[in-house]
């Protein structure tokens, strides 16, 4: 059995006592998706849920496909089979936590990132930099030359670093709904790729502030179109990622680590104004006041992630012994 399949099949033995913890994990993932430069996939990796979530999401997508394009006689049965394989005791609490985070924290995080950008970036710089160790810890036995793995990691880092430079476009006050749908379909893919921030894509197309304002003001039409686009994008991408983790696990994890390193470009606390959205990425500059606050928050963020990594590692070790 592959690592991804094994992770996805553990739902039968999953303790119901973990439900409050999974709600909290989902809440943290949801908050991460609100922050430019921080990926929800990174938080999922750090909290030890990544491969289980990808596996369960893949089963849900397979069930939907079975209903739509499956054999006429076996559509319902095929869909039910896939749904039974889904870890609902993990997936539902995490999704509920994410929705709660988006609905309750959109305005708060928007103000934090906008009004105290140096402090916000300092906190998230420490968190993401420490999180790079997570996919590296998950690497299995090497089968490819070292130089090829170095090329993959460096290429991914350069790609993320370069793409981040395109973010920070002017905010679109009244976007057409087709743009909202398409932007959501692309941005949601970043939810399942550590080191890639969906919020930065929204910044690039000028929909970051517009989207958070719509959520904060409960604009149901905008939220509905965005949710439909997100569901479409996620359904079309999650199975590809699941396949990559099954068949090219080591290379995929190396690329993820490279993307996370490249994403640090967005989180250097001291940046010039990008000329677009105030909290968008600009040119990197030497530290200016405030200095102590961002540095202390970076250390705090690194410490929080380090504790989470240690706790997750010990929990995994205990599960293997059981």
C-alpha atoms as a PDB file:
ATOM      1  CA  UNK A   1       0.000   0.000   0.000  1.00  0.00           C
ATOM      2  CA  UNK A   2       1.330   3.457  -0.867  1.00  0.00           C
ATOM      3  CA  UNK A   3       1.892   6.124   1.780  1.00  0.00           C
ATOM      4  CA  UNK A   4      -0.988   8.267   0.501  1.00  0.00           C
ATOM      5  CA  UNK A   5      -3.405   5.318   0.378  1.00  0.00           C
ATOM      6  CA  UNK A   6      -2.331   4.230   3.844  1.00  0.00           C
ATOM      7  CA  UNK A   7      -2.937   7.715   5.235  1.00  0.00           C
ATOM      8  CA  UNK A   8      -6.351   7.902   3.611  1.00  0.00           C
ATOM      9  CA  UNK A   9      -7.391   4.494   4.897  1.00  0.00           C
ATOM     10  CA  UNK A  10      -6.730   5.217   8.584  1.00  0.00           C
ATOM     11  CA  UNK A  11     -10.167   6.744   9.170  1.00  0.00           C
ATOM     12  CA  UNK A  12     -11.625   3.507  10.522  1.00  0.00           C
ATOM     13  CA  UNK A  13      -9.401   3.715  13.590  1.00  0.00           C
ATOM     14  CA  UNK A  14      -9.463   7.499  14.015  1.00  0.00           C
ATOM     15  CA  UNK A  15     -10.420   8.492  17.553  1.00  0.00           C
ATOM     16  CA  UNK A  16     -13.476  10.717  17.911  1.00  0.00           C
ATOM     17  CA  UNK A  17     -11.563  12.483  20.693  1.00  0.00           C
ATOM     18  CA  UNK A  18      -9.502  14.157  17.960  1.00  0.00           C
ATOM     19  CA  UNK A  19     -12.537  16.060  16.644  1.00  0.00           C
ATOM     20  CA  UNK A  20     -11.896  19.277  18.663  1.00  0.00           C
ATOM     21  CA  UNK A  21      -8.229  19.189  17.647  1.00  0.00           C
ATOM     22  CA  UNK A  22      -9.164  18.724  13.984  1.00  0.00           C
ATOM     23  CA  UNK A  23     -11.545  21.682  14.244  1.00  0.00           C
ATOM     24  CA  UNK A  24      -8.639  23.777  15.539  1.00  0.00           C
ATOM     25  CA  UNK A  25      -6.354  22.519  12.769  1.00  0.00           C
ATOM     26  CA  UNK A  26      -8.969  23.448  10.176  1.00  0.00           C
ATOM     27  CA  UNK A  27      -9.322  26.878  11.784  1.00  0.00           C
ATOM     28  CA  UNK A  28      -5.559  27.425  11.491  1.00  0.00           C
ATOM     29  CA  UNK A  29      -5.558  26.286   7.851  1.00  0.00           C
ATOM     30  CA  UNK A  30      -8.405  28.693   7.118  1.00  0.00           C
ATOM     31  CA  UNK A  31      -6.532  31.595   8.730  1.00  0.00           C
ATOM     32  CA  UNK A  32      -3.440  30.733   6.672  1.00  0.00           C
ATOM     33  CA  UNK A  33      -5.448  31.010   3.470  1.00  0.00           C
ATOM     34  CA  UNK A  34      -6.416  34.567   4.415  1.00  0.00           C
ATOM     35  CA  UNK A  35      -2.793  35.697   4.677  1.00  0.00           C
ATOM     36  CA  UNK A  36      -0.732  36.653   1.605  1.00  0.00           C
ATOM     37  CA  UNK A  37       2.433  34.559   1.554  1.00  0.00           C
ATOM     38  CA  UNK A  38       1.200  31.773   3.840  1.00  0.00           C
ATOM     39  CA  UNK A  39      -0.183  28.565   2.374  1.00  0.00           C
ATOM     40  CA  UNK A  40      -2.898  26.477   3.985  1.00  0.00           C
ATOM     41  CA  UNK A  41      -1.051  23.439   2.663  1.00  0.00           C
ATOM     42  CA  UNK A  42       1.948  24.423   4.781  1.00  0.00           C
ATOM     43  CA  UNK A  43      -0.198  24.445   7.934  1.00  0.00           C
ATOM     44  CA  UNK A  44      -1.691  21.087   6.952  1.00  0.00           C
ATOM     45  CA  UNK A  45       1.832  19.675   6.607  1.00  0.00           C
ATOM     46  CA  UNK A  46       2.970  21.043   9.963  1.00  0.00           C
ATOM     47  CA  UNK A  47      -0.095  19.687  11.780  1.00  0.00           C
ATOM     48  CA  UNK A  48       0.328  16.238  10.220  1.00  0.00           C
ATOM     49  CA  UNK A  49      -2.903  16.229   8.213  1.00  0.00           C
ATOM     50  CA  UNK A  50      -1.640  16.856   4.695  1.00  0.00           C
ATOM     51  CA  UNK A  51      -1.636  13.437   3.065  1.00  0.00           C
ATOM     52  CA  UNK A  52      -4.787  12.307   4.879  1.00  0.00           C
ATOM     53  CA  UNK A  53      -6.666  15.366   3.622  1.00  0.00           C
ATOM     54  CA  UNK A  54      -5.406  14.900   0.058  1.00  0.00           C
ATOM     55  CA  UNK A  55      -6.386  11.235   0.114  1.00  0.00           C
ATOM     56  CA  UNK A  56      -9.887  11.926   1.458  1.00  0.00           C
ATOM     57  CA  UNK A  57     -10.466  14.807  -0.966  1.00  0.00           C
ATOM     58  CA  UNK A  58      -9.389  12.546  -3.812  1.00  0.00           C
ATOM     59  CA  UNK A  59     -12.038   9.966  -2.835  1.00  0.00           C
ATOM     60  CA  UNK A  60     -14.753  12.658  -2.806  1.00  0.00           C
ATOM     61  CA  UNK A  61     -13.715  13.807  -6.283  1.00  0.00           C
ATOM     62  CA  UNK A  62     -13.707  10.199  -7.503  1.00  0.00           C
ATOM     63  CA  UNK A  63     -17.246   9.750  -6.146  1.00  0.00           C
ATOM     64  CA  UNK A  64     -18.435  12.804  -8.058  1.00  0.00           C
ATOM     65  CA  UNK A  65     -16.793  11.557 -11.236  1.00  0.00           C
ATOM     66  CA  UNK A  66     -18.373   8.140 -10.815  1.00  0.00           C
ATOM     67  CA  UNK A  67     -21.821   9.750 -10.681  1.00  0.00           C
ATOM     68  CA  UNK A  68     -21.197  11.893 -13.753  1.00  0.00           C
ATOM     69  CA  UNK A  69     -19.136   9.741 -16.122  1.00  0.00           C
ATOM     70  CA  UNK A  70     -19.286   6.257 -14.596  1.00  0.00           C
ATOM     71  CA  UNK A  71     -20.960   3.163 -15.969  1.00  0.00           C
ATOM     72  CA  UNK A  72     -24.735   3.698 -16.024  1.00  0.00           C
ATOM     73  CA  UNK A  73     -25.428   0.605 -13.946  1.00  0.00           C
ATOM     74  CA  UNK A  74     -22.667   1.145 -11.425  1.00  0.00           C
ATOM     75  CA  UNK A  75     -22.669   4.909 -10.952  1.00  0.00           C
ATOM     76  CA  UNK A  76     -24.337   4.973  -7.560  1.00  0.00           C
ATOM     77  CA  UNK A  77     -22.463   1.949  -6.247  1.00  0.00           C
ATOM     78  CA  UNK A  78     -19.124   3.329  -7.448  1.00  0.00           C
ATOM     79  CA  UNK A  79     -19.818   6.685  -5.824  1.00  0.00           C
ATOM     80  CA  UNK A  80     -20.839   5.061  -2.536  1.00  0.00           C
ATOM     81  CA  UNK A  81     -17.685   2.945  -2.545  1.00  0.00           C
ATOM     82  CA  UNK A  82     -15.498   6.048  -2.858  1.00  0.00           C
ATOM     83  CA  UNK A  83     -17.477   7.919  -0.210  1.00  0.00           C
ATOM     84  CA  UNK A  84     -17.046   5.028   2.227  1.00  0.00           C
ATOM     85  CA  UNK A  85     -13.285   5.308   1.747  1.00  0.00           C
ATOM     86  CA  UNK A  86     -13.369   8.982   2.719  1.00  0.00           C
ATOM     87  CA  UNK A  87     -12.168   9.925   6.180  1.00  0.00           C
ATOM     88  CA  UNK A  88     -15.254  11.942   7.108  1.00  0.00           C
ATOM     89  CA  UNK A  89     -14.285  12.167  10.797  1.00  0.00           C
ATOM     90  CA  UNK A  90     -11.238  14.119   9.635  1.00  0.00           C
ATOM     91  CA  UNK A  91     -12.527  15.939   6.566  1.00  0.00           C
ATOM     92  CA  UNK A  92     -15.730  17.420   8.027  1.00  0.00           C
ATOM     93  CA  UNK A  93     -14.193  18.952  11.197  1.00  0.00           C
ATOM     94  CA  UNK A  94     -11.317  20.429   9.193  1.00  0.00           C
ATOM     95  CA  UNK A  95     -13.697  21.955   6.637  1.00  0.00           C
ATOM     96  CA  UNK A  96     -15.941  23.327   9.375  1.00  0.00           C
ATOM     97  CA  UNK A  97     -12.916  24.866  11.089  1.00  0.00           C
ATOM     98  CA  UNK A  98     -11.782  26.450   7.826  1.00  0.00           C
ATOM     99  CA  UNK A  99     -15.201  27.949   7.121  1.00  0.00           C
ATOM    100  CA  UNK A 100     -15.411  29.331  10.649  1.00  0.00           C
ATOM    101  CA  UNK A 101     -11.970  30.924  10.258  1.00  0.00           C
ATOM    102  CA  UNK A 102     -12.903  32.585   6.970  1.00  0.00           C
ATOM    103  CA  UNK A 103     -16.243  33.879   8.246  1.00  0.00           C
ATOM    104  CA  UNK A 104     -14.952  35.183  11.569  1.00  0.00           C
ATOM    105  CA  UNK A 105     -11.369  36.247  10.844  1.00  0.00           C
ATOM    106  CA  UNK A 106     -11.438  37.748   7.327  1.00  0.00           C
ATOM    107  CA  UNK A 107     -11.836  41.308   8.579  1.00  0.00           C
ATOM    108  CA  UNK A 108      -9.406  40.858  11.476  1.00  0.00           C
ATOM    109  CA  UNK A 109      -6.622  39.384   9.342  1.00  0.00           C
ATOM    110  CA  UNK A 110      -7.146  41.965   6.598  1.00  0.00           C
ATOM    111  CA  UNK A 111      -6.672  44.774   9.134  1.00  0.00           C
ATOM    112  CA  UNK A 112      -3.657  43.077  10.760  1.00  0.00           C
ATOM    113  CA  UNK A 113      -1.883  42.553   7.436  1.00  0.00           C
ATOM    114  CA  UNK A 114      -2.762  46.055   6.224  1.00  0.00           C
ATOM    115  CA  UNK A 115      -2.185  48.112   9.386  1.00  0.00           C
ATOM    116  CA  UNK A 116       0.886  46.302  10.746  1.00  0.00           C
ATOM    117  CA  UNK A 117       2.528  44.753   7.653  1.00  0.00           C
ATOM    118  CA  UNK A 118       6.057  44.533   9.133  1.00  0.00           C
ATOM    119  CA  UNK A 119       4.847  42.712  12.245  1.00  0.00           C
ATOM    120  CA  UNK A 120       2.552  40.418  10.250  1.00  0.00           C
ATOM    121  CA  UNK A 121       5.274  39.475   7.772  1.00  0.00           C
ATOM    122  CA  UNK A 122       7.765  38.931  10.613  1.00  0.00           C
ATOM    123  CA  UNK A 123       5.445  36.472  12.360  1.00  0.00           C
ATOM    124  CA  UNK A 124       4.714  34.510   9.199  1.00  0.00           C
ATOM    125  CA  UNK A 125       8.361  34.570   8.058  1.00  0.00           C
ATOM    126  CA  UNK A 126       9.380  32.678  11.179  1.00  0.00           C
ATOM    127  CA  UNK A 127       6.514  30.200  10.776  1.00  0.00           C
ATOM    128  CA  UNK A 128       7.086  29.406   7.097  1.00  0.00           C
ATOM    129  CA  UNK A 129      10.901  29.290   7.356  1.00  0.00           C
ATOM    130  CA  UNK A 130      10.682  26.680  10.114  1.00  0.00           C
ATOM    131  CA  UNK A 131       7.998  24.778   8.222  1.00  0.00           C
ATOM    132  CA  UNK A 132      10.440  24.026   5.379  1.00  0.00           C
ATOM    133  CA  UNK A 133      11.794  21.234   7.579  1.00  0.00           C
ATOM    134  CA  UNK A 134       8.448  19.400   7.452  1.00  0.00           C
ATOM    135  CA  UNK A 135       8.468  18.082   3.850  1.00  0.00           C
ATOM    136  CA  UNK A 136      12.201  17.362   4.184  1.00  0.00           C
ATOM    137  CA  UNK A 137      11.467  15.150   7.208  1.00  0.00           C
ATOM    138  CA  UNK A 138       8.968  13.206   5.100  1.00  0.00           C
ATOM    139  CA  UNK A 139      11.477  12.267   2.400  1.00  0.00           C
ATOM    140  CA  UNK A 140      11.837   8.569   1.707  1.00  0.00           C
ATOM    141  CA  UNK A 141      14.814   6.663   0.295  1.00  0.00           C
ATOM    142  CA  UNK A 142      16.609   8.546  -2.483  1.00  0.00           C
ATOM    143  CA  UNK A 143      16.312   7.027  -5.948  1.00  0.00           C
ATOM    144  CA  UNK A 144      17.466   9.924  -8.140  1.00  0.00           C
ATOM    145  CA  UNK A 145      20.863  11.677  -8.449  1.00  0.00           C
ATOM    146  CA  UNK A 146      21.485  14.436  -5.919  1.00  0.00           C
ATOM    147  CA  UNK A 147      22.005  17.011  -8.670  1.00  0.00           C
ATOM    148  CA  UNK A 148      18.520  16.382 -10.066  1.00  0.00           C
ATOM    149  CA  UNK A 149      16.916  16.885  -6.665  1.00  0.00           C
ATOM    150  CA  UNK A 150      18.901  20.108  -6.204  1.00  0.00           C
ATOM    151  CA  UNK A 151      17.639  21.321  -9.589  1.00  0.00           C
ATOM    152  CA  UNK A 152      14.043  20.540  -8.592  1.00  0.00           C
ATOM    153  CA  UNK A 153      14.335  22.372  -5.274  1.00  0.00           C
ATOM    154  CA  UNK A 154      16.142  25.422  -6.687  1.00  0.00           C
ATOM    155  CA  UNK A 155      13.831  25.597  -9.712  1.00  0.00           C
ATOM    156  CA  UNK A 156      10.738  25.535  -7.492  1.00  0.00           C
ATOM    157  CA  UNK A 157      12.200  28.210  -5.195  1.00  0.00           C
ATOM    158  CA  UNK A 158      13.079  30.479  -8.127  1.00  0.00           C
ATOM    159  CA  UNK A 159       9.619  29.981  -9.643  1.00  0.00           C
ATOM    160  CA  UNK A 160       7.847  30.945  -6.405  1.00  0.00           C
ATOM    161  CA  UNK A 161      10.200  33.893  -5.830  1.00  0.00           C
ATOM    162  CA  UNK A 162       9.585  35.190  -9.359  1.00  0.00           C
ATOM    163  CA  UNK A 163       5.811  34.755  -9.396  1.00  0.00           C
ATOM    164  CA  UNK A 164       5.432  36.570  -6.088  1.00  0.00           C
ATOM    165  CA  UNK A 165       6.905  39.648  -7.739  1.00  0.00           C
ATOM    166  CA  UNK A 166       3.831  39.864  -9.978  1.00  0.00           C
ATOM    167  CA  UNK A 167       1.420  40.177  -7.046  1.00  0.00           C
ATOM    168  CA  UNK A 168       0.126  43.454  -5.687  1.00  0.00           C
ATOM    169  CA  UNK A 169      -2.116  44.611  -8.519  1.00  0.00           C
ATOM    170  CA  UNK A 170      -4.649  47.387  -8.122  1.00  0.00           C
ATOM    171  CA  UNK A 171      -7.796  46.301  -6.301  1.00  0.00           C
ATOM    172  CA  UNK A 172     -10.833  45.666  -8.523  1.00  0.00           C
ATOM    173  CA  UNK A 173     -13.836  47.226  -6.794  1.00  0.00           C
ATOM    174  CA  UNK A 174     -16.647  45.616  -8.818  1.00  0.00           C
ATOM    175  CA  UNK A 175     -15.239  42.581 -10.646  1.00  0.00           C
ATOM    176  CA  UNK A 176     -17.294  40.585 -13.180  1.00  0.00           C
ATOM    177  CA  UNK A 177     -18.511  37.303 -11.693  1.00  0.00           C
ATOM    178  CA  UNK A 178     -16.731  35.250 -14.357  1.00  0.00           C
ATOM    179  CA  UNK A 179     -13.421  36.738 -13.133  1.00  0.00           C
ATOM    180  CA  UNK A 180     -14.359  35.857  -9.540  1.00  0.00           C
ATOM    181  CA  UNK A 181     -15.145  32.267 -10.592  1.00  0.00           C
ATOM    182  CA  UNK A 182     -11.884  31.841 -12.532  1.00  0.00           C
ATOM    183  CA  UNK A 183      -9.726  33.460  -9.865  1.00  0.00           C
ATOM    184  CA  UNK A 184     -11.217  31.218  -7.174  1.00  0.00           C
ATOM    185  CA  UNK A 185     -10.620  28.097  -9.295  1.00  0.00           C
ATOM    186  CA  UNK A 186      -6.911  28.927  -9.583  1.00  0.00           C
ATOM    187  CA  UNK A 187      -6.370  30.327  -6.089  1.00  0.00           C
ATOM    188  CA  UNK A 188      -7.897  27.308  -4.345  1.00  0.00           C
ATOM    189  CA  UNK A 189      -5.257  25.037  -5.886  1.00  0.00           C
ATOM    190  CA  UNK A 190      -2.747  26.796  -3.645  1.00  0.00           C
ATOM    191  CA  UNK A 191      -4.695  25.442  -0.675  1.00  0.00           C
ATOM    192  CA  UNK A 192      -3.257  21.991  -1.342  1.00  0.00           C
ATOM    193  CA  UNK A 193       0.256  23.042  -2.406  1.00  0.00           C
ATOM    194  CA  UNK A 194       2.550  24.023   0.487  1.00  0.00           C
ATOM    195  CA  UNK A 195       4.516  27.179  -0.232  1.00  0.00           C
ATOM    196  CA  UNK A 196       2.032  28.554  -2.757  1.00  0.00           C
ATOM    197  CA  UNK A 197      -0.323  31.220  -1.448  1.00  0.00           C
ATOM    198  CA  UNK A 198      -3.756  31.549  -2.985  1.00  0.00           C
ATOM    199  CA  UNK A 199      -4.004  34.978  -1.393  1.00  0.00           C
ATOM    200  CA  UNK A 200      -1.063  36.136  -3.484  1.00  0.00           C
ATOM    201  CA  UNK A 201      -2.789  35.088  -6.675  1.00  0.00           C
ATOM    202  CA  UNK A 202      -5.812  37.101  -5.583  1.00  0.00           C
ATOM    203  CA  UNK A 203      -3.458  40.030  -4.932  1.00  0.00           C
ATOM    204  CA  UNK A 204      -2.042  39.697  -8.439  1.00  0.00           C
ATOM    205  CA  UNK A 205      -5.472  39.942 -10.069  1.00  0.00           C
ATOM    206  CA  UNK A 206      -6.678  42.639  -7.672  1.00  0.00           C
ATOM    207  CA  UNK A 207      -9.271  40.542  -5.827  1.00  0.00           C
ATOM    208  CA  UNK A 208      -7.680  40.033  -2.407  1.00  0.00           C
ATOM    209  CA  UNK A 209      -9.236  42.985  -0.577  1.00  0.00           C
ATOM    210  CA  UNK A 210     -12.422  42.695  -2.635  1.00  0.00           C
ATOM    211  CA  UNK A 211     -12.863  39.059  -1.585  1.00  0.00           C
ATOM    212  CA  UNK A 212     -12.178  39.647   2.113  1.00  0.00           C
ATOM    213  CA  UNK A 213     -14.567  42.606   2.133  1.00  0.00           C
ATOM    214  CA  UNK A 214     -17.251  40.453   0.484  1.00  0.00           C
ATOM    215  CA  UNK A 215     -16.839  37.776   3.157  1.00  0.00           C
ATOM    216  CA  UNK A 216     -16.799  40.314   5.974  1.00  0.00           C
ATOM    217  CA  UNK A 217     -19.976  42.003   4.658  1.00  0.00           C
ATOM    218  CA  UNK A 218     -21.661  38.650   3.841  1.00  0.00           C
ATOM    219  CA  UNK A 219     -22.068  39.377   0.097  1.00  0.00           C
ATOM    220  CA  UNK A 220     -23.799  36.066  -0.652  1.00  0.00           C
ATOM    221  CA  UNK A 221     -23.703  36.375  -4.459  1.00  0.00           C
ATOM    222  CA  UNK A 222     -19.954  37.003  -4.514  1.00  0.00           C
ATOM    223  CA  UNK A 223     -19.316  34.305  -1.903  1.00  0.00           C
ATOM    224  CA  UNK A 224     -21.462  31.788  -3.806  1.00  0.00           C
ATOM    225  CA  UNK A 225     -19.683  32.366  -7.129  1.00  0.00           C
ATOM    226  CA  UNK A 226     -16.295  32.224  -5.424  1.00  0.00           C
ATOM    227  CA  UNK A 227     -17.207  28.969  -3.645  1.00  0.00           C
ATOM    228  CA  UNK A 228     -18.386  27.389  -6.911  1.00  0.00           C
ATOM    229  CA  UNK A 229     -15.149  28.352  -8.643  1.00  0.00           C
ATOM    230  CA  UNK A 230     -13.109  27.041  -5.721  1.00  0.00           C
ATOM    231  CA  UNK A 231     -14.939  23.700  -5.775  1.00  0.00           C
ATOM    232  CA  UNK A 232     -14.350  23.398  -9.525  1.00  0.00           C
ATOM    233  CA  UNK A 233     -10.641  24.140  -9.225  1.00  0.00           C
ATOM    234  CA  UNK A 234     -10.134  21.824  -6.282  1.00  0.00           C
ATOM    235  CA  UNK A 235     -11.913  18.932  -8.011  1.00  0.00           C
ATOM    236  CA  UNK A 236      -9.712  19.272 -11.079  1.00  0.00           C
ATOM    237  CA  UNK A 237      -6.411  19.449  -9.178  1.00  0.00           C
ATOM    238  CA  UNK A 238      -6.555  17.321  -6.052  1.00  0.00           C
ATOM    239  CA  UNK A 239      -6.407  13.970  -7.850  1.00  0.00           C
ATOM    240  CA  UNK A 240      -3.306  15.041  -9.779  1.00  0.00           C
ATOM    241  CA  UNK A 241      -1.563  15.902  -6.536  1.00  0.00           C
ATOM    242  CA  UNK A 242      -2.700  12.632  -4.968  1.00  0.00           C
ATOM    243  CA  UNK A 243      -1.206  10.738  -7.923  1.00  0.00           C
ATOM    244  CA  UNK A 244       2.069  12.648  -7.636  1.00  0.00           C
ATOM    245  CA  UNK A 245       2.349  11.797  -3.942  1.00  0.00           C
ATOM    246  CA  UNK A 246       1.720   8.136  -4.717  1.00  0.00           C
ATOM    247  CA  UNK A 247       4.051   7.746  -7.693  1.00  0.00           C
ATOM    248  CA  UNK A 248       6.622  10.550  -7.295  1.00  0.00           C
ATOM    249  CA  UNK A 249       6.507  11.186  -3.559  1.00  0.00           C
ATOM    250  CA  UNK A 250      10.123  12.224  -2.980  1.00  0.00           C
ATOM    251  CA  UNK A 251      10.292  14.593  -5.957  1.00  0.00           C
ATOM    252  CA  UNK A 252       6.937  16.128  -5.034  1.00  0.00           C
ATOM    253  CA  UNK A 253       8.050  16.803  -1.453  1.00  0.00           C
ATOM    254  CA  UNK A 254      11.318  18.336  -2.671  1.00  0.00           C
ATOM    255  CA  UNK A 255       9.403  20.664  -4.981  1.00  0.00           C
ATOM    256  CA  UNK A 256       7.107  21.606  -2.089  1.00  0.00           C
ATOM    257  CA  UNK A 257      10.119  22.484   0.068  1.00  0.00           C
ATOM    258  CA  UNK A 258      11.515  24.625  -2.763  1.00  0.00           C
ATOM    259  CA  UNK A 259       8.215  26.460  -3.166  1.00  0.00           C
ATOM    260  CA  UNK A 260       8.149  27.192   0.557  1.00  0.00           C
ATOM    261  CA  UNK A 261      11.683  28.624   0.425  1.00  0.00           C
ATOM    262  CA  UNK A 262      10.742  30.808  -2.559  1.00  0.00           C
ATOM    263  CA  UNK A 263       7.630  32.051  -0.780  1.00  0.00           C
ATOM    264  CA  UNK A 264       9.829  33.658   1.885  1.00  0.00           C
ATOM    265  CA  UNK A 265      10.335  36.479  -0.650  1.00  0.00           C
ATOM    266  CA  UNK A 266       6.877  37.698   0.238  1.00  0.00           C
ATOM    267  CA  UNK A 267       7.470  37.576   3.983  1.00  0.00           C
ATOM    268  CA  UNK A 268      10.586  39.688   4.447  1.00  0.00           C
ATOM    269  CA  UNK A 269       9.217  42.235   6.931  1.00  0.00           C
ATOM    270  CA  UNK A 270      10.747  45.355   5.379  1.00  0.00           C
ATOM    271  CA  UNK A 271       9.594  46.111   1.853  1.00  0.00           C
ATOM    272  CA  UNK A 272       8.937  49.177  -0.260  1.00  0.00           C
ATOM    273  CA  UNK A 273       5.345  49.892  -1.242  1.00  0.00           C
ATOM    274  CA  UNK A 274       4.410  47.870  -4.313  1.00  0.00           C
ATOM    275  CA  UNK A 275       2.239  50.655  -5.690  1.00  0.00           C
ATOM    276  CA  UNK A 276      -0.813  48.399  -5.724  1.00  0.00           C
ATOM    277  CA  UNK A 277      -2.483  47.060  -2.608  1.00  0.00           C
ATOM    278  CA  UNK A 278      -0.719  48.409   0.468  1.00  0.00           C
ATOM    279  CA  UNK A 279       0.042  44.938   1.805  1.00  0.00           C
ATOM    280  CA  UNK A 280       1.270  43.554  -1.528  1.00  0.00           C
ATOM    281  CA  UNK A 281       4.936  42.613  -2.039  1.00  0.00           C
ATOM    282  CA  UNK A 282       7.430  45.337  -2.948  1.00  0.00           C
ATOM    283  CA  UNK A 283      11.183  45.653  -3.318  1.00  0.00           C
ATOM    284  CA  UNK A 284      13.141  44.160  -0.420  1.00  0.00           C
ATOM    285  CA  UNK A 285      15.017  46.751   1.645  1.00  0.00           C
ATOM    286  CA  UNK A 286      17.236  46.862   4.739  1.00  0.00           C
ATOM    287  CA  UNK A 287      15.452  46.839   8.118  1.00  0.00           C
ATOM    288  CA  UNK A 288      13.785  50.070   9.151  1.00  0.00           C
ATOM    289  CA  UNK A 289      11.667  50.908  12.186  1.00  0.00           C
ATOM    290  CA  UNK A 290       9.970  48.927  13.593  1.00  0.00           C
ATOM    291  CA  UNK A 291      12.696  46.293  13.929  1.00  0.00           C
ATOM    292  CA  UNK A 292      12.391  44.670  17.351  1.00  0.00           C
ATOM    293  CA  UNK A 293       8.695  43.774  17.006  1.00  0.00           C
ATOM    294  CA  UNK A 294       9.021  41.902  13.677  1.00  0.00           C
ATOM    295  CA  UNK A 295      12.167  40.091  14.870  1.00  0.00           C
ATOM    296  CA  UNK A 296      10.523  38.943  18.105  1.00  0.00           C
ATOM    297  CA  UNK A 297       7.402  37.845  16.225  1.00  0.00           C
ATOM    298  CA  UNK A 298       9.551  35.914  13.736  1.00  0.00           C
ATOM    299  CA  UNK A 299      11.186  34.066  16.641  1.00  0.00           C
ATOM    300  CA  UNK A 300       7.766  33.433  18.161  1.00  0.00           C
ATOM    301  CA  UNK A 301       6.416  32.074  14.874  1.00  0.00           C
ATOM    302  CA  UNK A 302       9.425  29.784  14.487  1.00  0.00           C
ATOM    303  CA  UNK A 303       9.020  28.512  18.058  1.00  0.00           C
ATOM    304  CA  UNK A 304       5.300  27.805  17.589  1.00  0.00           C
ATOM    305  CA  UNK A 305       5.927  25.776  14.441  1.00  0.00           C
ATOM    306  CA  UNK A 306       8.853  23.925  16.032  1.00  0.00           C
ATOM    307  CA  UNK A 307       6.615  22.888  18.937  1.00  0.00           C
ATOM    308  CA  UNK A 308       3.893  21.742  16.518  1.00  0.00           C
ATOM    309  CA  UNK A 309       6.430  19.706  14.532  1.00  0.00           C
ATOM    310  CA  UNK A 310       7.749  17.997  17.668  1.00  0.00           C
ATOM    311  CA  UNK A 311       4.241  17.232  18.938  1.00  0.00           C
ATOM    312  CA  UNK A 312       3.176  15.864  15.552  1.00  0.00           C
ATOM    313  CA  UNK A 313       6.329  13.728  15.293  1.00  0.00           C
ATOM    314  CA  UNK A 314       5.791  12.218  18.757  1.00  0.00           C
ATOM    315  CA  UNK A 315       2.129  11.609  17.997  1.00  0.00           C
ATOM    316  CA  UNK A 316       3.018   9.823  14.746  1.00  0.00           C
ATOM    317  CA  UNK A 317       5.634   7.733  16.556  1.00  0.00           C
ATOM    318  CA  UNK A 318       3.088   6.716  19.205  1.00  0.00           C
ATOM    319  CA  UNK A 319       0.558   5.770  16.523  1.00  0.00           C
ATOM    320  CA  UNK A 320       3.134   3.569  14.753  1.00  0.00           C
ATOM    321  CA  UNK A 321       3.985   1.779  18.019  1.00  0.00           C
ATOM    322  CA  UNK A 322       0.283   1.163  18.714  1.00  0.00           C
END
